[in-house]
C-alpha atoms as a PDB file:
ATOM      1  CA  MET A   1      97.489  99.396 126.667  1.00  0.00           C
ATOM      2  CA  ALA A   2      97.898 103.020 127.721  1.00  0.00           C
ATOM      3  CA  THR A   3      98.321 105.668 125.065  1.00  0.00           C
ATOM      4  CA  LYS A   4     100.939 108.364 125.201  1.00  0.00           C
ATOM      5  CA  SER A   5      99.942 111.882 124.217  1.00  0.00           C
ATOM      6  CA  SER A   6     102.302 114.676 123.214  1.00  0.00           C
ATOM      7  CA  LYS A   7     101.537 118.257 122.325  1.00  0.00           C
ATOM      8  CA  PHE A   8     103.623 120.624 120.272  1.00  0.00           C
ATOM      9  CA  ALA A   9     102.863 124.326 119.970  1.00  0.00           C
ATOM     10  CA  HIS A  10     103.049 127.300 117.632  1.00  0.00           C
ATOM     11  CA  PRO A  11     106.608 128.714 117.688  1.00  0.00           C
ATOM     12  CA  LEU A  12     105.440 131.790 119.641  1.00  0.00           C
ATOM     13  CA  ALA A  13     103.319 129.838 122.147  1.00  0.00           C
ATOM     14  CA  SER A  14     104.455 128.068 125.282  1.00  0.00           C
ATOM     15  CA  GLY A  15     105.358 124.419 124.865  1.00  0.00           C
ATOM     16  CA  PRO A  16     107.624 122.422 122.547  1.00  0.00           C
ATOM     17  CA  ASP A  17     108.022 124.183 119.177  1.00  0.00           C
ATOM     18  CA  ALA A  18     106.049 122.266 116.509  1.00  0.00           C
ATOM     19  CA  SER A  19     108.038 123.907 113.696  1.00  0.00           C
ATOM     20  CA  LYS A  20     111.169 122.085 114.867  1.00  0.00           C
ATOM     21  CA  MET A  21     109.507 118.650 115.090  1.00  0.00           C
ATOM     22  CA  ARG A  22     109.975 116.125 112.300  1.00  0.00           C
ATOM     23  CA  ILE A  23     107.395 113.421 111.699  1.00  0.00           C
ATOM     24  CA  ARG A  24     110.056 110.721 111.790  1.00  0.00           C
ATOM     25  CA  ASP A  25     111.061 111.848 115.293  1.00  0.00           C
ATOM     26  CA  LEU A  26     107.587 111.051 116.657  1.00  0.00           C
ATOM     27  CA  ASN A  27     108.318 107.302 116.572  1.00  0.00           C
ATOM     28  CA  LEU A  28     104.812 106.509 115.365  1.00  0.00           C
ATOM     29  CA  ARG A  29     103.565 102.933 115.211  1.00  0.00           C
ATOM     30  CA  MET A  30     101.992 101.588 112.026  1.00  0.00           C
ATOM     31  CA  LYS A  31      98.468 103.024 111.530  1.00  0.00           C
ATOM     32  CA  GLN A  32      98.934 105.391 114.479  1.00  0.00           C
ATOM     33  CA  SER A  33      97.391 108.831 113.942  1.00  0.00           C
ATOM     34  CA  ILE A  34      98.309 112.357 114.943  1.00  0.00           C
ATOM     35  CA  LEU A  35      96.161 115.491 114.870  1.00  0.00           C
ATOM     36  CA  TYR A  36      97.775 118.270 112.832  1.00  0.00           C
ATOM     37  CA  ILE A  37      96.338 121.755 113.324  1.00  0.00           C
ATOM     38  CA  PHE A  38      97.008 124.191 110.500  1.00  0.00           C
ATOM     39  CA  ASP A  39      96.420 127.878 111.233  1.00  0.00           C
ATOM     40  CA  TYR A  40      95.931 128.218 114.937  1.00  0.00           C
ATOM     41  CA  GLY A  41      93.363 131.010 114.395  1.00  0.00           C
ATOM     42  CA  ASP A  42      91.032 129.069 112.091  1.00  0.00           C
ATOM     43  CA  GLU A  43      92.064 125.642 113.448  1.00  0.00           C
ATOM     44  CA  HIS A  44      91.976 123.579 110.280  1.00  0.00           C
ATOM     45  CA  ARG A  45      92.325 120.048 111.711  1.00  0.00           C
ATOM     46  CA  PHE A  46      93.846 117.107 109.864  1.00  0.00           C
ATOM     47  CA  GLU A  47      94.225 113.503 110.950  1.00  0.00           C
ATOM     48  CA  VAL A  48      97.582 112.177 109.744  1.00  0.00           C
ATOM     49  CA  LYS A  49      98.065 108.403 109.859  1.00  0.00           C
ATOM     50  CA  LEU A  50     101.262 106.412 109.359  1.00  0.00           C
ATOM     51  CA  ALA A  51     100.388 104.160 106.421  1.00  0.00           C
ATOM     52  CA  GLY A  52     103.797 102.568 105.962  1.00  0.00           C
ATOM     53  CA  THR A  53     107.535 102.977 105.834  1.00  0.00           C
ATOM     54  CA  ASN A  54     110.135 101.858 103.336  1.00  0.00           C
ATOM     55  CA  PRO A  55     113.807 102.040 104.337  1.00  0.00           C
ATOM     56  CA  ASP A  56     114.725 101.229 100.718  1.00  0.00           C
ATOM     57  CA  ALA A  57     112.702 104.132  99.267  1.00  0.00           C
ATOM     58  CA  PRO A  58     114.485 106.228  96.616  1.00  0.00           C
ATOM     59  CA  LYS A  59     116.373 109.151  98.115  1.00  0.00           C
ATOM     60  CA  ASP A  60     115.558 111.515  95.220  1.00  0.00           C
ATOM     61  CA  ILE A  61     111.845 111.761  96.126  1.00  0.00           C
ATOM     62  CA  GLN A  62     110.653 114.279  98.700  1.00  0.00           C
ATOM     63  CA  TYR A  63     109.058 112.711 101.769  1.00  0.00           C
ATOM     64  CA  PRO A  64     106.643 112.644 103.511  1.00  0.00           C
ATOM     65  CA  ARG A  65     104.112 112.334 100.669  1.00  0.00           C
ATOM     66  CA  VAL A  66     100.344 112.716 100.708  1.00  0.00           C
ATOM     67  CA  LEU A  67      98.700 109.386  99.935  1.00  0.00           C
ATOM     68  CA  GLU A  68      95.065 110.411 100.304  1.00  0.00           C
ATOM     69  CA  LYS A  69      93.106 113.598 100.811  1.00  0.00           C
ATOM     70  CA  LYS A  70      89.477 114.476 101.352  1.00  0.00           C
ATOM     71  CA  GLY A  71      87.903 117.809 100.523  1.00  0.00           C
ATOM     72  CA  ARG A  72      89.579 120.977  99.351  1.00  0.00           C
ATOM     73  CA  ALA A  73      92.816 122.306 100.777  1.00  0.00           C
ATOM     74  CA  PRO A  74      92.412 125.431 102.939  1.00  0.00           C
ATOM     75  CA  ARG A  75      93.136 128.752 101.265  1.00  0.00           C
ATOM     76  CA  GLN A  76      96.693 129.937 101.845  1.00  0.00           C
ATOM     77  CA  TYR A  77      97.613 133.437 102.990  1.00  0.00           C
ATOM     78  CA  PHE A  78      99.734 135.596 100.687  1.00  0.00           C
END
C-alpha cells in the first residue's frame, strides 16, 4: 500500500500554513504517526501517533490530550 505524505509549514514560510491545521483534519488512521517539528530553528522533533478516538468523549475536556511522553519538554521562550 502506498503512503501519502503531506507537509505543512511555518506561517511565514512557503507551503500550507501549519498553524491553521487541526489534527482532526488530517484524517489519520489508527496508529498512524505524524512528525511534529517544534521551533523551526532548533528543530525539536516529536512523533505523534493516533492512539484512539472516542466520539462519545465528554465535551468539557480539552482535546487532544497527551497520553505518553518521554524525556523533558523543551524550554519555552518568554
